[in-house]
Amino acid sequence: MMQPTFRAVLLGSLIALMSACNAETDAGKAAALADATKPAVTAETAVKVADVVKVENPYARAVPPGQPNSASFMTLVNESDVDHSVKSAASPVAATVELHTHTNNNGVMEMRQVEQIDVPAKGRTELKPGGLHVMLIGLKQDMKVGETAPITLTFEDGSSTTVDAPIQEIAPPAGAGGGHMGGMPH
């Protein structure tokens, strides 16, 4: 049998433990109630990059049937006070879609994939032939003048915007030297 003193200590410990648990529960309820009265910042209420970076004048290059690649161009306009960037692009018209730029390597124009396309705060970034562009690799359909190619841009916060880029004839940029990349004049 338990000693009366030991029983009293054990009982007192249990009462103290239960009181502490109730106090933590009450404190948790009070904190939850205080949080419930604050406006919640959720994905729905936070400003998405796709809402502040606008796409102007999108278009895609028409290519002859059988050409494996094309490109899309546009102007990105950042209406916010914060720098943003396009991290990736996608389109159902191509197996692979990459962000690219042209660089001059000792007089030879070369295309290179880039990790992102930056759009400065309150600024514009032009994607154009001979410069930054969205590369459409492994075309799944013909790129005919008068049709459109949906292009989805995904920004650094994961938000995205999709535009229908009219397919147009585009002359090679001056100084491009008529070079070819993957069978496509660029």
Protein backbone atom coordinates (compact mmCIF):
# COMPACT_ATOMS: atom_id res chain seq x y z
CA MET A 1 0.00 0.00 0.00
CA MET A 2 1.02 3.52 -0.70
CA GLN A 3 2.11 5.78 2.09
CA PRO A 4 -0.28 8.69 2.69
CA THR A 5 2.51 11.21 2.06
CA PHE A 6 3.48 9.60 -1.24
CA ARG A 7 -0.18 9.47 -2.27
CA ALA A 8 -0.61 13.18 -1.50
CA VAL A 9 2.51 14.09 -3.52
CA LEU A 10 1.34 11.94 -6.44
CA LEU A 11 -2.14 13.46 -6.34
CA GLY A 12 -0.70 16.98 -6.15
CA SER A 13 1.55 16.26 -9.14
CA LEU A 14 -1.36 15.00 -11.22
CA ILE A 15 -3.44 18.07 -10.35
CA ALA A 16 -0.55 20.37 -11.30
CA LEU A 17 -0.03 18.52 -14.58
CA MET A 18 -3.71 18.73 -15.51
CA SER A 19 -3.80 22.43 -14.67
CA ALA A 20 -0.77 23.05 -16.88
CA CYS A 21 -2.40 21.16 -19.77
CA ASN A 22 -5.60 23.18 -19.40
CA ALA A 23 -3.61 26.42 -19.28
CA GLU A 24 -1.78 25.47 -22.51
CA THR A 25 -5.09 24.59 -24.18
CA ASP A 26 -6.63 27.89 -23.06
CA ALA A 27 -3.56 29.80 -24.28
CA GLY A 28 -3.75 27.96 -27.63
CA LYS A 29 -7.44 28.82 -27.95
CA ALA A 30 -6.73 32.47 -27.15
CA ALA A 31 -3.93 32.58 -29.75
CA ALA A 32 -6.15 30.91 -32.34
CA LEU A 33 -8.94 33.38 -31.60
CA ALA A 34 -6.54 36.32 -31.93
CA ASP A 35 -5.26 34.93 -35.27
CA ALA A 36 -8.83 34.43 -36.49
CA THR A 37 -9.55 38.15 -36.06
CA LYS A 38 -6.58 39.11 -38.26
CA PRO A 39 -7.08 39.11 -42.03
CA ALA A 40 -5.43 35.94 -43.31
CA VAL A 41 -2.79 36.30 -46.01
CA THR A 42 -3.43 33.42 -48.35
CA ALA A 43 -2.56 32.58 -51.94
CA GLU A 44 -5.90 34.12 -52.89
CA THR A 45 -5.29 37.47 -51.18
CA ALA A 46 -1.54 37.83 -51.78
CA VAL A 47 -0.51 39.69 -54.92
CA LYS A 48 0.69 37.24 -57.53
CA VAL A 49 3.50 38.14 -59.92
CA ALA A 50 1.25 37.07 -62.80
CA ASP A 51 -1.11 39.90 -61.77
CA VAL A 52 1.57 42.61 -61.97
CA VAL A 53 3.70 41.49 -64.93
CA LYS A 54 1.73 42.02 -68.14
CA VAL A 55 2.48 40.51 -71.54
CA GLU A 56 2.26 42.83 -74.56
CA ASN A 57 2.38 41.94 -78.25
CA PRO A 58 3.12 38.21 -78.01
CA TYR A 59 3.84 36.40 -81.28
CA ALA A 60 5.49 33.22 -82.51
CA ARG A 61 7.62 32.54 -85.56
CA ALA A 62 5.97 30.75 -88.48
CA VAL A 63 8.18 27.95 -89.81
CA PRO A 64 7.80 25.64 -92.83
CA PRO A 65 6.21 22.23 -92.20
CA GLY A 66 8.76 19.77 -90.88
CA GLN A 67 10.91 22.37 -89.13
CA PRO A 68 11.55 21.05 -85.62
CA ASN A 69 11.81 24.37 -83.74
CA SER A 70 10.35 27.86 -83.51
CA ALA A 71 10.39 30.73 -81.03
CA SER A 72 8.03 33.15 -79.33
CA PHE A 73 8.58 36.81 -78.58
CA MET A 74 6.80 39.46 -76.50
CA THR A 75 7.28 42.44 -74.21
CA LEU A 76 7.00 41.90 -70.45
CA VAL A 77 5.87 44.93 -68.44
CA ASN A 78 6.33 44.94 -64.65
CA GLU A 79 3.79 47.28 -63.04
CA SER A 80 5.08 46.69 -59.49
CA ASP A 81 7.83 48.27 -57.38
CA VAL A 82 9.66 44.91 -57.11
CA ASP A 83 11.91 43.13 -59.62
CA HIS A 84 10.40 39.89 -60.92
CA SER A 85 11.45 37.09 -63.25
CA VAL A 86 10.07 34.46 -65.58
CA LYS A 87 11.46 31.11 -64.42
CA SER A 88 10.00 28.81 -67.08
CA ALA A 89 7.64 28.56 -70.02
CA ALA A 90 5.43 25.86 -71.50
CA SER A 91 3.33 25.32 -74.60
CA PRO A 92 1.30 22.43 -75.98
CA VAL A 93 2.78 23.14 -79.45
CA ALA A 94 6.27 21.91 -78.45
CA ALA A 95 7.80 18.95 -76.64
CA THR A 96 10.27 21.25 -74.84
CA VAL A 97 10.05 24.96 -74.09
CA GLU A 98 13.10 26.89 -72.85
CA LEU A 99 14.06 30.46 -72.06
CA HIS A 100 16.88 31.54 -74.38
CA THR A 101 19.08 34.44 -75.39
CA HIS A 102 21.50 35.13 -78.23
CA THR A 103 25.12 35.94 -77.46
CA ASN A 104 27.91 37.10 -79.74
CA ASN A 105 30.85 34.73 -79.25
CA ASN A 106 33.81 36.13 -81.24
CA GLY A 107 31.55 37.28 -84.06
CA VAL A 108 29.39 34.14 -84.07
CA MET A 109 25.83 34.46 -82.82
CA GLU A 110 24.97 31.59 -80.47
CA MET A 111 21.75 30.69 -78.71
CA ARG A 112 22.00 29.83 -75.03
CA GLN A 113 19.44 28.69 -72.52
CA VAL A 114 19.03 31.04 -69.53
CA GLU A 115 17.73 30.21 -66.03
CA GLN A 116 15.32 33.13 -65.97
CA ILE A 117 14.28 36.32 -67.74
CA ASP A 118 14.35 39.31 -65.40
CA VAL A 119 11.74 42.07 -65.52
CA PRO A 120 12.84 45.14 -63.52
CA ALA A 121 10.49 47.01 -61.18
CA LYS A 122 8.39 49.52 -63.13
CA GLY A 123 10.25 48.34 -66.23
CA ARG A 124 10.01 46.43 -69.49
CA THR A 125 11.89 43.47 -70.92
CA GLU A 126 11.63 42.86 -74.65
CA LEU A 127 11.85 39.33 -76.02
CA LYS A 128 12.75 39.75 -79.71
CA PRO A 129 14.54 38.00 -82.58
CA GLY A 130 18.28 38.12 -81.95
CA GLY A 131 17.79 38.59 -78.19
CA LEU A 132 15.83 37.01 -75.36
CA HIS A 133 13.09 34.62 -76.50
CA VAL A 134 11.02 31.57 -75.63
CA MET A 135 12.35 28.60 -77.60
CA LEU A 136 9.82 26.03 -78.84
CA ILE A 137 11.70 22.76 -79.40
CA GLY A 138 10.29 19.62 -80.96
CA LEU A 139 7.20 21.12 -82.53
CA LYS A 140 4.08 18.98 -82.24
CA GLN A 141 2.20 20.92 -84.93
CA ASP A 142 2.85 23.13 -87.92
CA MET A 143 3.40 26.80 -87.10
CA LYS A 144 1.14 28.44 -89.72
CA VAL A 145 0.55 32.16 -90.20
CA GLY A 146 -2.88 33.14 -88.89
CA GLU A 147 -2.99 30.49 -86.14
CA THR A 148 -1.99 30.98 -82.50
CA ALA A 149 0.32 29.21 -80.09
CA PRO A 150 -0.58 29.25 -76.38
CA ILE A 151 2.47 30.15 -74.28
CA THR A 152 2.40 29.85 -70.47
CA LEU A 153 4.96 31.83 -68.47
CA THR A 154 5.66 30.83 -64.87
CA PHE A 155 7.10 33.42 -62.48
CA GLU A 156 9.35 33.13 -59.42
CA ASP A 157 6.38 32.82 -57.04
CA GLY A 158 4.89 29.94 -59.02
CA SER A 159 2.05 32.01 -60.48
CA SER A 160 1.60 31.86 -64.23
CA THR A 161 -0.05 33.57 -67.16
CA THR A 162 -0.98 32.15 -70.54
CA VAL A 163 -1.15 34.15 -73.76
CA ASP A 164 -2.20 33.15 -77.26
CA ALA A 165 0.69 34.22 -79.47
CA PRO A 166 -0.33 34.88 -83.08
CA ILE A 167 1.94 32.97 -85.49
CA GLN A 168 3.65 35.40 -87.89
CA GLU A 169 6.34 35.49 -90.58
CA ILE A 170 9.47 36.97 -89.01
CA ALA A 171 12.56 38.09 -90.89
CA PRO A 172 15.89 37.03 -89.33
CA PRO A 173 17.44 39.84 -87.26
CA ALA A 174 20.11 41.95 -88.94
CA GLY A 175 23.59 40.61 -88.25
CA ALA A 176 22.36 37.13 -87.40
CA GLY A 177 24.39 35.84 -90.32
CA GLY A 178 21.67 33.41 -91.34
CA GLY A 179 23.02 30.88 -88.85
CA HIS A 180 20.97 27.82 -88.05
CA MET A 181 20.22 26.16 -84.73
CA GLY A 182 18.42 22.85 -84.89
CA GLY A 183 17.33 23.50 -88.49
CA MET A 184 15.70 26.83 -87.74
CA PRO A 185 16.97 30.22 -88.94
CA HIS A 186 17.34 32.40 -85.92
